[in-house]
Structures are given as structure tokens and as C-alpha cells.
């Protein structure tokens, strides 16, 4: 994940989220279909997520893959 957090945009698109999660965009799309990600922002067009919501989700132990 980029550091510090303020280097991330306030609103993340799939490519930004893939970088944060260190996975492919296709995997982000799979997670989205499986409803394994926080809720998207209600903005028409491309899927978008709030940076702070994603960071809270990650700090809560979510988003960890199998090891």
C-alpha cells in the first residue's frame, strides 16, 4: 500500500483499489461480484470507493488473502 495514506486519492477506482490490495483489477472485480468489498460510493459510472472506508476495512483485518 502506498505510504503515507494521503498519497491515495480520496475516491478510489478499481485500478487504485487493486494497487492498495496488491492484486489485479480482475481480482477486484471478483471481490466486488462476491460482495467481499465495502460498499461502493453511489456515483454513476465506474465503481468507486471512499479511501477512508477502504483503509478502515483493511485496518480491521479485512482484505487479507489466504496464506
N, C-alpha and C. Protein backbone atom coordinates (compact mmCIF):
# COMPACT_ATOMS: atom_id res chain seq x y z
N UNK A 1 0.85 -1.17 0.00
CA UNK A 1 0.00 0.00 0.00
C UNK A 1 0.89 1.23 0.00
N UNK A 2 0.57 2.24 -0.80
CA UNK A 2 1.37 3.45 -0.81
C UNK A 2 1.39 4.11 0.56
N UNK A 3 2.46 4.76 0.89
CA UNK A 3 2.59 5.48 2.15
C UNK A 3 3.08 6.87 1.86
N UNK A 4 2.69 7.86 2.59
CA UNK A 4 1.60 7.83 3.55
C UNK A 4 0.25 7.76 2.87
N UNK A 5 -0.79 7.60 3.70
CA UNK A 5 -2.14 7.41 3.16
C UNK A 5 -2.60 8.58 2.30
N UNK A 6 -2.08 9.78 2.56
CA UNK A 6 -2.54 10.94 1.80
C UNK A 6 -2.06 10.92 0.35
N UNK A 7 -1.24 9.95 -0.04
CA UNK A 7 -0.84 9.80 -1.45
C UNK A 7 -1.96 9.16 -2.26
N UNK A 8 -2.89 8.52 -1.59
CA UNK A 8 -4.02 7.90 -2.27
C UNK A 8 -5.08 8.96 -2.53
N UNK A 9 -5.78 8.87 -3.66
CA UNK A 9 -6.89 9.80 -3.89
C UNK A 9 -8.01 9.54 -2.89
N UNK A 10 -8.85 10.54 -2.63
CA UNK A 10 -9.97 10.38 -1.70
C UNK A 10 -10.98 9.36 -2.19
N UNK A 11 -11.11 9.26 -3.51
CA UNK A 11 -12.04 8.31 -4.12
C UNK A 11 -11.21 7.36 -4.99
N UNK A 12 -11.36 6.07 -4.73
CA UNK A 12 -10.58 5.05 -5.44
C UNK A 12 -11.41 4.39 -6.53
N UNK A 13 -10.80 4.22 -7.69
CA UNK A 13 -11.42 3.42 -8.75
C UNK A 13 -10.79 2.03 -8.70
N UNK A 14 -11.24 1.14 -9.55
CA UNK A 14 -10.76 -0.26 -9.49
C UNK A 14 -9.25 -0.37 -9.57
N UNK A 15 -8.61 0.42 -10.43
CA UNK A 15 -7.15 0.31 -10.55
C UNK A 15 -6.45 0.77 -9.28
N UNK A 16 -6.98 1.83 -8.63
CA UNK A 16 -6.41 2.29 -7.36
C UNK A 16 -6.58 1.21 -6.29
N UNK A 17 -7.77 0.63 -6.24
CA UNK A 17 -8.05 -0.39 -5.23
C UNK A 17 -7.17 -1.61 -5.45
N UNK A 18 -6.94 -1.97 -6.69
CA UNK A 18 -6.05 -3.11 -6.99
C UNK A 18 -4.65 -2.84 -6.47
N UNK A 19 -4.16 -1.61 -6.61
CA UNK A 19 -2.83 -1.26 -6.10
C UNK A 19 -2.80 -1.36 -4.58
N UNK A 20 -3.84 -0.85 -3.93
CA UNK A 20 -3.90 -0.89 -2.46
C UNK A 20 -3.92 -2.34 -1.97
N UNK A 21 -4.71 -3.17 -2.65
CA UNK A 21 -4.85 -4.57 -2.23
C UNK A 21 -3.74 -5.46 -2.77
N UNK A 22 -2.90 -4.88 -3.64
CA UNK A 22 -1.80 -5.63 -4.27
C UNK A 22 -2.33 -6.86 -5.00
N UNK A 23 -3.30 -6.59 -5.86
CA UNK A 23 -3.88 -7.65 -6.66
C UNK A 23 -4.22 -7.08 -8.04
N UNK A 24 -4.77 -7.90 -8.88
CA UNK A 24 -5.15 -7.46 -10.22
C UNK A 24 -6.51 -6.76 -10.19
N UNK A 25 -6.78 -5.98 -11.23
CA UNK A 25 -8.09 -5.36 -11.37
C UNK A 25 -9.15 -6.45 -11.50
N UNK A 26 -8.81 -7.50 -12.20
CA UNK A 26 -9.76 -8.62 -12.35
C UNK A 26 -10.13 -9.21 -10.99
N UNK A 27 -9.17 -9.31 -10.09
CA UNK A 27 -9.48 -9.83 -8.76
C UNK A 27 -10.37 -8.86 -7.98
N UNK A 28 -10.15 -7.57 -8.14
CA UNK A 28 -11.03 -6.57 -7.52
C UNK A 28 -12.46 -6.77 -8.04
N UNK A 29 -12.60 -7.01 -9.33
CA UNK A 29 -13.92 -7.25 -9.90
C UNK A 29 -14.56 -8.51 -9.33
N UNK A 30 -13.76 -9.54 -9.12
CA UNK A 30 -14.28 -10.77 -8.50
C UNK A 30 -14.75 -10.50 -7.08
N UNK A 31 -13.94 -9.77 -6.32
CA UNK A 31 -14.30 -9.43 -4.94
C UNK A 31 -15.59 -8.61 -4.91
N UNK A 32 -15.72 -7.70 -5.87
CA UNK A 32 -16.92 -6.86 -5.95
C UNK A 32 -18.15 -7.73 -6.23
N UNK A 33 -18.04 -8.65 -7.18
CA UNK A 33 -19.17 -9.55 -7.51
C UNK A 33 -19.54 -10.43 -6.31
N UNK A 34 -18.54 -10.83 -5.54
CA UNK A 34 -18.78 -11.67 -4.38
C UNK A 34 -19.23 -10.85 -3.16
N UNK A 35 -19.35 -9.55 -3.34
CA UNK A 35 -19.72 -8.63 -2.27
C UNK A 35 -18.79 -8.75 -1.07
N UNK A 36 -17.49 -8.89 -1.37
CA UNK A 36 -16.47 -9.02 -0.34
C UNK A 36 -15.76 -7.70 -0.05
N UNK A 37 -16.18 -6.64 -0.72
CA UNK A 37 -15.58 -5.32 -0.52
C UNK A 37 -16.58 -4.41 0.19
N UNK A 38 -16.08 -3.33 0.82
CA UNK A 38 -17.03 -2.35 1.36
C UNK A 38 -17.92 -1.81 0.24
N UNK A 39 -19.03 -1.24 0.63
CA UNK A 39 -19.99 -0.70 -0.34
C UNK A 39 -19.35 0.37 -1.21
N UNK A 40 -19.73 0.37 -2.46
CA UNK A 40 -19.26 1.39 -3.41
C UNK A 40 -19.97 2.70 -3.13
N UNK A 41 -19.36 3.78 -3.55
CA UNK A 41 -20.00 5.09 -3.45
C UNK A 41 -21.12 5.17 -4.49
N UNK A 42 -22.19 5.88 -4.19
CA UNK A 42 -23.31 5.98 -5.14
C UNK A 42 -23.05 7.03 -6.22
N UNK A 43 -22.00 6.79 -7.00
CA UNK A 43 -21.62 7.68 -8.09
C UNK A 43 -21.80 6.91 -9.40
N UNK A 44 -22.60 7.44 -10.33
CA UNK A 44 -22.79 6.74 -11.61
C UNK A 44 -21.47 6.60 -12.38
N UNK A 45 -21.39 5.57 -13.18
CA UNK A 45 -20.18 5.35 -13.99
C UNK A 45 -19.35 4.24 -13.40
N UNK A 46 -18.04 4.43 -13.42
CA UNK A 46 -17.14 3.40 -12.90
C UNK A 46 -17.33 3.21 -11.40
N UNK A 47 -17.12 1.98 -10.91
CA UNK A 47 -17.22 1.73 -9.47
C UNK A 47 -16.17 2.56 -8.73
N UNK A 48 -16.57 3.12 -7.59
CA UNK A 48 -15.66 3.94 -6.79
C UNK A 48 -15.88 3.64 -5.32
N UNK A 49 -14.79 3.74 -4.56
CA UNK A 49 -14.84 3.51 -3.13
C UNK A 49 -14.17 4.67 -2.41
N UNK A 50 -14.64 4.96 -1.21
CA UNK A 50 -14.04 6.00 -0.39
C UNK A 50 -12.73 5.48 0.20
N UNK A 51 -11.66 6.24 0.03
CA UNK A 51 -10.34 5.85 0.53
C UNK A 51 -10.40 5.51 2.02
N UNK A 52 -11.01 6.38 2.81
CA UNK A 52 -11.02 6.16 4.26
C UNK A 52 -11.77 4.90 4.64
N UNK A 53 -12.84 4.59 3.91
CA UNK A 53 -13.59 3.36 4.18
C UNK A 53 -12.74 2.12 3.88
N UNK A 54 -12.01 2.16 2.78
CA UNK A 54 -11.14 1.04 2.43
C UNK A 54 -10.03 0.88 3.47
N UNK A 55 -9.44 1.98 3.91
CA UNK A 55 -8.36 1.90 4.90
C UNK A 55 -8.88 1.37 6.24
N UNK A 56 -10.10 1.78 6.64
CA UNK A 56 -10.71 1.24 7.87
C UNK A 56 -10.96 -0.26 7.71
N UNK A 57 -11.46 -0.64 6.55
CA UNK A 57 -11.74 -2.05 6.25
C UNK A 57 -10.47 -2.88 6.37
N UNK A 58 -9.38 -2.37 5.81
CA UNK A 58 -8.11 -3.09 5.88
C UNK A 58 -7.56 -3.13 7.30
N UNK A 59 -7.66 -2.03 8.02
CA UNK A 59 -7.12 -2.00 9.38
C UNK A 59 -7.92 -2.90 10.32
N UNK A 60 -9.17 -3.20 9.94
CA UNK A 60 -9.99 -4.11 10.73
C UNK A 60 -9.71 -5.57 10.43
N UNK A 61 -8.69 -5.84 9.62
CA UNK A 61 -8.33 -7.21 9.31
C UNK A 61 -9.01 -7.78 8.09
N UNK A 62 -9.82 -6.97 7.41
CA UNK A 62 -10.48 -7.44 6.20
C UNK A 62 -9.49 -7.33 5.04
N UNK A 63 -9.81 -7.96 3.96
CA UNK A 63 -8.98 -7.85 2.77
C UNK A 63 -7.73 -8.72 2.80
N UNK A 64 -7.61 -9.52 3.82
CA UNK A 64 -6.45 -10.42 3.87
C UNK A 64 -6.75 -11.68 3.07
N UNK A 65 -5.82 -12.02 2.23
CA UNK A 65 -5.99 -13.24 1.45
C UNK A 65 -5.58 -14.46 2.24
N UNK A 66 -5.81 -15.59 1.66
CA UNK A 66 -5.36 -16.84 2.30
C UNK A 66 -3.86 -16.92 2.20
N UNK A 67 -3.27 -17.42 3.22
CA UNK A 67 -1.80 -17.54 3.25
C UNK A 67 -1.41 -18.96 3.47
